Amino acid sequence: MRLIRSASLGIASCTSLVMLASLVIAAVGEAQSPVRAKPATATAQSKKPTPERIREVQKALLEAGHDPGPIDGILGPRTKAALRQYASAPPPQALTPAQQIIAQFNRENDRPQSP
């Protein structure tokens, strides 16, 4: 069951989600890649999210309607799955691809836009 994202997420929560989502997606992509990645640099290792930061993101994911599992500060499989789910869903204000096609069709044919 997919829950609707809350429009009340604060800027800090959204920023946390975006930052951690990019880290997780990069990490998950490297883990699934058959090509061995170069060793991580000291800079990349120093940017590892802290348990406190992960807890913030887990809370924001929960508010956004994605179940990260327990709010424990551990970047486990359920938190990673929730981040992937969040990253793949269009933002509430964005049009879906189908809505974009319909809007373009309506513009090209001088039809009124639906709300």
N, C-alpha and C. Protein backbone atom coordinates (compact mmCIF):
# COMPACT_ATOMS: atom_id res chain seq x y z
N MET A 1 0.84 -1.17 0.00
CA MET A 1 0.00 0.00 0.00
C MET A 1 0.89 1.24 0.00
N ARG A 2 0.63 2.14 -0.93
CA ARG A 2 1.42 3.35 -1.03
C ARG A 2 0.67 4.49 -0.38
N LEU A 3 1.33 5.15 0.52
CA LEU A 3 0.73 6.28 1.20
C LEU A 3 1.04 7.56 0.45
N ILE A 4 0.18 8.55 0.59
CA ILE A 4 0.39 9.84 -0.06
C ILE A 4 1.41 10.63 0.74
N ARG A 5 2.31 11.29 0.03
CA ARG A 5 3.32 12.12 0.69
C ARG A 5 2.67 13.30 1.38
N SER A 6 3.21 13.63 2.50
CA SER A 6 2.74 14.79 3.24
C SER A 6 3.33 16.05 2.62
N ALA A 7 2.48 17.03 2.40
CA ALA A 7 2.96 18.29 1.85
C ALA A 7 3.60 19.15 2.93
N SER A 8 3.52 18.69 4.18
CA SER A 8 4.03 19.50 5.28
C SER A 8 5.48 19.22 5.62
N LEU A 9 6.19 18.42 4.81
CA LEU A 9 7.60 18.17 5.10
C LEU A 9 8.36 19.48 5.04
N GLY A 10 9.22 19.71 6.00
CA GLY A 10 10.01 20.92 6.02
C GLY A 10 11.17 20.86 5.05
N ILE A 11 11.77 22.00 4.79
CA ILE A 11 12.92 22.07 3.89
C ILE A 11 14.05 21.19 4.40
N ALA A 12 14.32 21.21 5.70
CA ALA A 12 15.40 20.40 6.25
C ALA A 12 15.14 18.92 6.03
N SER A 13 13.90 18.48 6.22
CA SER A 13 13.56 17.08 6.00
C SER A 13 13.77 16.70 4.55
N CYS A 14 13.30 17.53 3.64
CA CYS A 14 13.47 17.24 2.21
C CYS A 14 14.94 17.24 1.83
N THR A 15 15.70 18.18 2.36
CA THR A 15 17.13 18.23 2.08
C THR A 15 17.81 16.98 2.59
N SER A 16 17.44 16.54 3.79
CA SER A 16 18.00 15.31 4.35
C SER A 16 17.71 14.13 3.45
N LEU A 17 16.47 14.04 2.99
CA LEU A 17 16.09 12.92 2.13
C LEU A 17 16.87 12.93 0.82
N VAL A 18 16.96 14.09 0.21
CA VAL A 18 17.66 14.18 -1.07
C VAL A 18 19.13 13.83 -0.90
N MET A 19 19.77 14.37 0.13
CA MET A 19 21.19 14.11 0.34
C MET A 19 21.44 12.63 0.62
N LEU A 20 20.68 12.06 1.53
CA LEU A 20 20.90 10.66 1.88
C LEU A 20 20.46 9.75 0.75
N ALA A 21 19.40 10.12 0.05
CA ALA A 21 18.96 9.29 -1.07
C ALA A 21 20.05 9.20 -2.13
N SER A 22 20.72 10.30 -2.42
CA SER A 22 21.78 10.25 -3.43
C SER A 22 22.94 9.38 -2.95
N LEU A 23 23.25 9.43 -1.66
CA LEU A 23 24.31 8.58 -1.12
C LEU A 23 23.93 7.11 -1.20
N VAL A 24 22.70 6.80 -0.82
CA VAL A 24 22.25 5.41 -0.83
C VAL A 24 22.14 4.87 -2.24
N ILE A 25 21.56 5.65 -3.14
CA ILE A 25 21.41 5.19 -4.51
C ILE A 25 22.78 4.94 -5.13
N ALA A 26 23.74 5.81 -4.85
CA ALA A 26 25.10 5.59 -5.34
C ALA A 26 25.68 4.32 -4.75
N ALA A 27 25.49 4.13 -3.45
CA ALA A 27 26.03 2.94 -2.78
C ALA A 27 25.36 1.68 -3.29
N VAL A 28 24.05 1.72 -3.46
CA VAL A 28 23.32 0.55 -3.95
C VAL A 28 23.73 0.25 -5.39
N GLY A 29 23.89 1.29 -6.19
CA GLY A 29 24.32 1.09 -7.57
C GLY A 29 25.69 0.45 -7.65
N GLU A 30 26.62 0.89 -6.80
CA GLU A 30 27.96 0.30 -6.79
C GLU A 30 27.91 -1.14 -6.32
N ALA A 31 27.07 -1.44 -5.35
CA ALA A 31 26.98 -2.80 -4.82
C ALA A 31 26.40 -3.75 -5.85
N GLN A 32 25.52 -3.26 -6.73
CA GLN A 32 24.91 -4.12 -7.73
C GLN A 32 25.71 -4.17 -9.02
N SER A 33 26.66 -3.29 -9.19
CA SER A 33 27.45 -3.24 -10.41
C SER A 33 28.46 -4.38 -10.47
N PRO A 34 28.54 -5.08 -11.62
CA PRO A 34 29.52 -6.16 -11.73
C PRO A 34 30.95 -5.63 -11.85
N VAL A 35 31.11 -4.36 -12.21
CA VAL A 35 32.43 -3.76 -12.34
C VAL A 35 32.88 -3.30 -10.97
N ARG A 36 34.09 -3.64 -10.60
CA ARG A 36 34.60 -3.25 -9.28
C ARG A 36 34.90 -1.76 -9.27
N ALA A 37 34.36 -1.07 -8.30
CA ALA A 37 34.57 0.37 -8.19
C ALA A 37 35.94 0.66 -7.61
N LYS A 38 36.42 1.88 -7.87
CA LYS A 38 37.69 2.32 -7.29
C LYS A 38 37.52 2.44 -5.78
N PRO A 39 38.59 2.27 -5.02
CA PRO A 39 38.48 2.44 -3.56
C PRO A 39 38.02 3.85 -3.21
N ALA A 40 37.23 3.95 -2.16
CA ALA A 40 36.70 5.25 -1.74
C ALA A 40 37.83 6.13 -1.23
N THR A 41 37.69 7.41 -1.49
CA THR A 41 38.70 8.36 -1.02
C THR A 41 38.38 8.76 0.41
N ALA A 42 39.31 9.40 1.05
CA ALA A 42 39.10 9.86 2.42
C ALA A 42 37.96 10.85 2.49
N THR A 43 37.80 11.68 1.44
CA THR A 43 36.72 12.66 1.41
C THR A 43 35.37 11.98 1.39
N ALA A 44 35.22 10.96 0.55
CA ALA A 44 33.94 10.25 0.46
C ALA A 44 33.64 9.52 1.77
N GLN A 45 34.66 8.97 2.40
CA GLN A 45 34.44 8.25 3.64
C GLN A 45 34.06 9.20 4.77
N SER A 46 34.59 10.41 4.76
CA SER A 46 34.28 11.36 5.82
C SER A 46 32.84 11.88 5.71
N LYS A 47 32.19 11.72 4.56
CA LYS A 47 30.82 12.18 4.37
C LYS A 47 29.80 11.10 4.71
N LYS A 48 30.23 10.02 5.34
CA LYS A 48 29.33 8.95 5.71
C LYS A 48 28.30 9.50 6.69
N PRO A 49 27.00 9.23 6.45
CA PRO A 49 25.98 9.79 7.34
C PRO A 49 26.07 9.22 8.75
N THR A 50 25.84 10.08 9.72
CA THR A 50 25.88 9.67 11.12
C THR A 50 24.55 9.01 11.49
N PRO A 51 24.53 8.22 12.56
CA PRO A 51 23.26 7.63 13.00
C PRO A 51 22.18 8.69 13.27
N GLU A 52 22.58 9.85 13.80
CA GLU A 52 21.62 10.92 14.06
C GLU A 52 20.99 11.41 12.75
N ARG A 53 21.84 11.56 11.73
CA ARG A 53 21.36 12.03 10.43
C ARG A 53 20.45 10.98 9.79
N ILE A 54 20.81 9.72 9.93
CA ILE A 54 19.99 8.64 9.38
C ILE A 54 18.63 8.62 10.08
N ARG A 55 18.60 8.85 11.39
CA ARG A 55 17.34 8.91 12.13
C ARG A 55 16.45 10.05 11.60
N GLU A 56 17.06 11.21 11.33
CA GLU A 56 16.31 12.34 10.76
C GLU A 56 15.66 11.94 9.45
N VAL A 57 16.45 11.27 8.61
CA VAL A 57 15.95 10.86 7.30
C VAL A 57 14.86 9.80 7.46
N GLN A 58 15.05 8.87 8.39
CA GLN A 58 14.02 7.85 8.61
C GLN A 58 12.70 8.49 9.04
N LYS A 59 12.77 9.50 9.91
CA LYS A 59 11.56 10.20 10.34
C LYS A 59 10.91 10.92 9.16
N ALA A 60 11.72 11.57 8.33
CA ALA A 60 11.19 12.28 7.16
C ALA A 60 10.56 11.30 6.16
N LEU A 61 11.20 10.14 5.98
CA LEU A 61 10.63 9.12 5.09
C LEU A 61 9.26 8.67 5.60
N LEU A 62 9.17 8.46 6.89
CA LEU A 62 7.91 8.03 7.49
C LEU A 62 6.83 9.10 7.29
N GLU A 63 7.19 10.37 7.50
CA GLU A 63 6.26 11.49 7.27
C GLU A 63 5.83 11.55 5.82
N ALA A 64 6.72 11.17 4.91
CA ALA A 64 6.44 11.22 3.48
C ALA A 64 5.65 10.01 3.00
N GLY A 65 5.38 9.06 3.91
CA GLY A 65 4.57 7.91 3.53
C GLY A 65 5.35 6.69 3.08
N HIS A 66 6.64 6.65 3.38
CA HIS A 66 7.49 5.51 3.01
C HIS A 66 8.03 4.89 4.29
N ASP A 67 7.78 3.60 4.48
CA ASP A 67 8.15 2.91 5.72
C ASP A 67 9.63 2.54 5.73
N PRO A 68 10.44 3.23 6.57
CA PRO A 68 11.87 2.91 6.65
C PRO A 68 12.19 1.84 7.68
N GLY A 69 11.14 1.26 8.28
CA GLY A 69 11.38 0.32 9.38
C GLY A 69 11.56 1.09 10.66
N PRO A 70 12.23 0.50 11.65
CA PRO A 70 12.41 1.19 12.93
C PRO A 70 13.28 2.44 12.78
N ILE A 71 12.96 3.47 13.55
CA ILE A 71 13.75 4.71 13.56
C ILE A 71 14.92 4.45 14.50
N ASP A 72 15.98 3.84 13.95
CA ASP A 72 17.09 3.38 14.78
C ASP A 72 18.45 3.95 14.39
N GLY A 73 18.49 4.77 13.33
CA GLY A 73 19.77 5.34 12.92
C GLY A 73 20.65 4.38 12.14
N ILE A 74 20.09 3.24 11.74
CA ILE A 74 20.85 2.25 10.97
C ILE A 74 20.36 2.27 9.53
N LEU A 75 21.28 2.36 8.61
CA LEU A 75 20.95 2.39 7.19
C LEU A 75 20.80 0.95 6.69
N GLY A 76 19.70 0.33 7.10
CA GLY A 76 19.45 -1.06 6.78
C GLY A 76 18.66 -1.22 5.49
N PRO A 77 18.29 -2.45 5.16
CA PRO A 77 17.60 -2.72 3.89
C PRO A 77 16.24 -2.04 3.78
N ARG A 78 15.50 -1.92 4.88
CA ARG A 78 14.19 -1.28 4.80
C ARG A 78 14.33 0.23 4.58
N THR A 79 15.33 0.83 5.20
CA THR A 79 15.57 2.26 4.99
C THR A 79 16.01 2.51 3.55
N LYS A 80 16.90 1.66 3.04
CA LYS A 80 17.35 1.80 1.65
C LYS A 80 16.18 1.62 0.68
N ALA A 81 15.31 0.65 0.94
CA ALA A 81 14.15 0.44 0.07
C ALA A 81 13.22 1.65 0.10
N ALA A 82 13.01 2.22 1.29
CA ALA A 82 12.16 3.40 1.41
C ALA A 82 12.77 4.59 0.66
N LEU A 83 14.09 4.73 0.71
CA LEU A 83 14.76 5.81 -0.02
C LEU A 83 14.61 5.62 -1.52
N ARG A 84 14.77 4.39 -1.99
CA ARG A 84 14.59 4.13 -3.43
C ARG A 84 13.16 4.44 -3.85
N GLN A 85 12.20 4.05 -3.01
CA GLN A 85 10.79 4.31 -3.28
C GLN A 85 10.54 5.81 -3.35
N TYR A 86 11.07 6.55 -2.39
CA TYR A 86 10.90 8.00 -2.35
C TYR A 86 11.54 8.65 -3.59
N ALA A 87 12.73 8.20 -3.93
CA ALA A 87 13.45 8.80 -5.06
C ALA A 87 12.75 8.51 -6.39
N SER A 88 12.05 7.39 -6.49
CA SER A 88 11.42 7.03 -7.76
C SER A 88 10.03 7.63 -7.93
N ALA A 89 9.43 8.13 -6.85
CA ALA A 89 8.09 8.71 -6.93
C ALA A 89 8.19 10.18 -7.32
N PRO A 90 7.31 10.64 -8.21
CA PRO A 90 7.36 12.06 -8.57
C PRO A 90 6.93 12.92 -7.39
N PRO A 91 7.52 14.11 -7.25
CA PRO A 91 7.10 15.01 -6.17
C PRO A 91 5.62 15.36 -6.34
N PRO A 92 4.93 15.71 -5.26
CA PRO A 92 3.49 15.98 -5.35
C PRO A 92 3.12 17.04 -6.38
N GLN A 93 3.94 18.05 -6.56
CA GLN A 93 3.60 19.12 -7.49
C GLN A 93 3.99 18.79 -8.93
N ALA A 94 4.74 17.73 -9.15
CA ALA A 94 5.20 17.39 -10.50
C ALA A 94 4.13 16.59 -11.23
N LEU A 95 4.08 16.79 -12.53
CA LEU A 95 3.17 16.01 -13.36
C LEU A 95 3.79 14.65 -13.64
N THR A 96 2.95 13.64 -13.70
CA THR A 96 3.43 12.32 -14.10
C THR A 96 3.70 12.36 -15.60
N PRO A 97 4.44 11.39 -16.15
CA PRO A 97 4.66 11.38 -17.60
C PRO A 97 3.35 11.39 -18.39
N ALA A 98 2.35 10.66 -17.92
CA ALA A 98 1.06 10.65 -18.62
C ALA A 98 0.41 12.03 -18.59
N GLN A 99 0.47 12.69 -17.43
CA GLN A 99 -0.10 14.04 -17.32
C GLN A 99 0.65 15.03 -18.21
N GLN A 100 1.97 14.87 -18.34
CA GLN A 100 2.76 15.74 -19.22
C GLN A 100 2.33 15.58 -20.67
N ILE A 101 2.10 14.34 -21.10
CA ILE A 101 1.68 14.07 -22.48
C ILE A 101 0.30 14.68 -22.73
N ILE A 102 -0.62 14.51 -21.77
CA ILE A 102 -1.96 15.07 -21.92
C ILE A 102 -1.90 16.59 -21.96
N ALA A 103 -1.09 17.20 -21.09
CA ALA A 103 -0.96 18.66 -21.07
C ALA A 103 -0.39 19.17 -22.39
N GLN A 104 0.62 18.47 -22.93
CA GLN A 104 1.19 18.88 -24.21
C GLN A 104 0.15 18.75 -25.32
N PHE A 105 -0.60 17.67 -25.33
CA PHE A 105 -1.65 17.48 -26.32
C PHE A 105 -2.67 18.61 -26.24
N ASN A 106 -3.07 18.94 -25.01
CA ASN A 106 -4.05 20.02 -24.83
C ASN A 106 -3.50 21.36 -25.30
N ARG A 107 -2.23 21.63 -25.03
CA ARG A 107 -1.61 22.89 -25.50
C ARG A 107 -1.57 22.93 -27.02
N GLU A 108 -1.19 21.82 -27.64
CA GLU A 108 -1.08 21.78 -29.09
C GLU A 108 -2.43 21.89 -29.77
N ASN A 109 -3.48 21.49 -29.10
CA ASN A 109 -4.82 21.50 -29.68
C ASN A 109 -5.72 22.56 -29.07
N ASP A 110 -5.11 23.54 -28.41
CA ASP A 110 -5.84 24.66 -27.80
C ASP A 110 -7.01 24.21 -26.95
N ARG A 111 -6.77 23.20 -26.14
CA ARG A 111 -7.81 22.73 -25.22
C ARG A 111 -7.51 23.27 -23.83
N PRO A 112 -8.55 23.52 -23.05
CA PRO A 112 -8.32 24.01 -21.69
C PRO A 112 -7.59 22.97 -20.84
N GLN A 113 -6.73 23.46 -19.96
CA GLN A 113 -5.98 22.58 -19.06
C GLN A 113 -6.90 22.11 -17.95
N SER A 114 -6.79 20.83 -17.60
CA SER A 114 -7.56 20.34 -16.46
C SER A 114 -6.79 20.62 -15.19
N PRO A 115 -7.48 20.83 -14.06
CA PRO A 115 -6.79 21.18 -12.81
C PRO A 115 -5.93 20.08 -12.27
